[in-house]
C-alpha atoms as a PDB file:
ATOM      1  CA  MET A   1      59.114  23.966   5.390  1.00  0.00           C
ATOM      2  CA  HIS A   2      62.622  23.809   6.838  1.00  0.00           C
ATOM      3  CA  ARG A   3      63.040  25.192  10.381  1.00  0.00           C
ATOM      4  CA  GLU A   4      66.299  27.050  11.004  1.00  0.00           C
ATOM      5  CA  THR A   5      68.446  26.500  14.090  1.00  0.00           C
ATOM      6  CA  VAL A   6      71.080  28.687  15.705  1.00  0.00           C
ATOM      7  CA  ASP A   7      74.688  27.882  14.842  1.00  0.00           C
ATOM      8  CA  THR A   8      76.388  28.463  18.194  1.00  0.00           C
ATOM      9  CA  SER A   9      79.818  27.784  16.714  1.00  0.00           C
ATOM     10  CA  LYS A  10      79.688  31.314  15.276  1.00  0.00           C
ATOM     11  CA  PHE A  11      79.375  32.927  18.722  1.00  0.00           C
ATOM     12  CA  ASN A  12      82.393  34.655  20.216  1.00  0.00           C
ATOM     13  CA  ALA A  13      83.057  32.633  23.370  1.00  0.00           C
ATOM     14  CA  ALA A  14      85.486  35.293  24.594  1.00  0.00           C
ATOM     15  CA  ALA A  15      82.893  38.100  24.483  1.00  0.00           C
ATOM     16  CA  VAL A  16      82.395  40.073  27.670  1.00  0.00           C
ATOM     17  CA  LEU A  17      78.636  40.404  28.121  1.00  0.00           C
ATOM     18  CA  PRO A  18      76.914  42.999  30.331  1.00  0.00           C
ATOM     19  CA  TYR A  19      74.057  42.525  32.813  1.00  0.00           C
ATOM     20  CA  GLN A  20      74.966  38.913  33.595  1.00  0.00           C
ATOM     21  CA  LEU A  21      73.943  37.819  30.113  1.00  0.00           C
ATOM     22  CA  ARG A  22      75.158  34.471  28.815  1.00  0.00           C
ATOM     23  CA  LEU A  23      75.714  33.235  25.275  1.00  0.00           C
ATOM     24  CA  LYS A  24      72.851  30.828  25.946  1.00  0.00           C
ATOM     25  CA  ASP A  25      70.534  33.846  26.380  1.00  0.00           C
ATOM     26  CA  PHE A  26      71.425  35.024  22.872  1.00  0.00           C
ATOM     27  CA  GLU A  27      70.935  31.526  21.480  1.00  0.00           C
ATOM     28  CA  ILE A  28      67.465  31.327  23.017  1.00  0.00           C
ATOM     29  CA  ALA A  29      66.506  34.790  21.737  1.00  0.00           C
ATOM     30  CA  MET A  30      67.737  34.012  18.223  1.00  0.00           C
ATOM     31  CA  GLN A  31      65.860  30.706  18.173  1.00  0.00           C
ATOM     32  CA  ASP A  32      62.692  32.516  19.249  1.00  0.00           C
ATOM     33  CA  VAL A  33      63.072  34.895  16.289  1.00  0.00           C
ATOM     34  CA  TYR A  34      63.698  32.000  13.896  1.00  0.00           C
ATOM     35  CA  ASP A  35      60.617  30.192  15.221  1.00  0.00           C
ATOM     36  CA  PHE A  36      58.492  33.350  14.935  1.00  0.00           C
ATOM     37  CA  PHE A  37      59.398  33.892  11.281  1.00  0.00           C
ATOM     38  CA  HIS A  38      58.912  30.198  10.536  1.00  0.00           C
ATOM     39  CA  ASP A  39      55.386  30.420  11.963  1.00  0.00           C
ATOM     40  CA  VAL A  40      54.663  33.640  10.026  1.00  0.00           C
ATOM     41  CA  ASN A  41      55.864  32.050   6.786  1.00  0.00           C
ATOM     42  CA  ASN A  42      53.698  28.992   7.401  1.00  0.00           C
ATOM     43  CA  MET A  43      50.620  31.147   8.003  1.00  0.00           C
ATOM     44  CA  LEU A  44      51.330  33.191   4.857  1.00  0.00           C
ATOM     45  CA  TRP A  45      51.722  29.997   2.844  1.00  0.00           C
ATOM     46  CA  ILE A  46      48.446  28.591   4.188  1.00  0.00           C
ATOM     47  CA  GLY A  47      46.700  31.887   3.398  1.00  0.00           C
ATOM     48  CA  ALA A  48      48.123  31.930  -0.131  1.00  0.00           C
ATOM     49  CA  TYR A  49      46.990  28.339  -0.622  1.00  0.00           C
ATOM     50  CA  ILE A  50      43.428  29.114   0.518  1.00  0.00           C
ATOM     51  CA  VAL A  51      43.139  32.250  -1.631  1.00  0.00           C
ATOM     52  CA  SER A  52      44.658  30.571  -4.675  1.00  0.00           C
ATOM     53  CA  THR A  53      42.494  27.467  -4.515  1.00  0.00           C
ATOM     54  CA  THR A  54      39.347  29.506  -3.774  1.00  0.00           C
ATOM     55  CA  CYS A  55      39.860  32.146  -6.469  1.00  0.00           C
ATOM     56  CA  PHE A  56      41.745  30.257  -9.150  1.00  0.00           C
ATOM     57  CA  GLY A  57      40.950  26.616  -8.481  1.00  0.00           C
ATOM     58  CA  GLN A  58      44.585  25.594  -8.162  1.00  0.00           C
ATOM     59  CA  PRO A  59      47.233  25.794  -5.441  1.00  0.00           C
ATOM     60  CA  PRO A  60      50.044  28.354  -5.701  1.00  0.00           C
ATOM     61  CA  CYS A  61      53.390  27.407  -7.181  1.00  0.00           C
ATOM     62  CA  PRO A  62      55.652  25.673  -4.643  1.00  0.00           C
ATOM     63  CA  VAL A  63      58.600  27.695  -3.385  1.00  0.00           C
END
């Protein structure tokens, strides 16, 4: 499964950020969210594969 990465070219470099935040902080947070959903999708796919092969004798259709 393809893992997404943050496109930092879309960030507004001129943004005034509060609380001493940096654009790098937003990049890190966004990458954490992308990684979380990638892991969730992988676990769901593995679960679907196990259920499908156990119950129906064949793997699920590829996405």
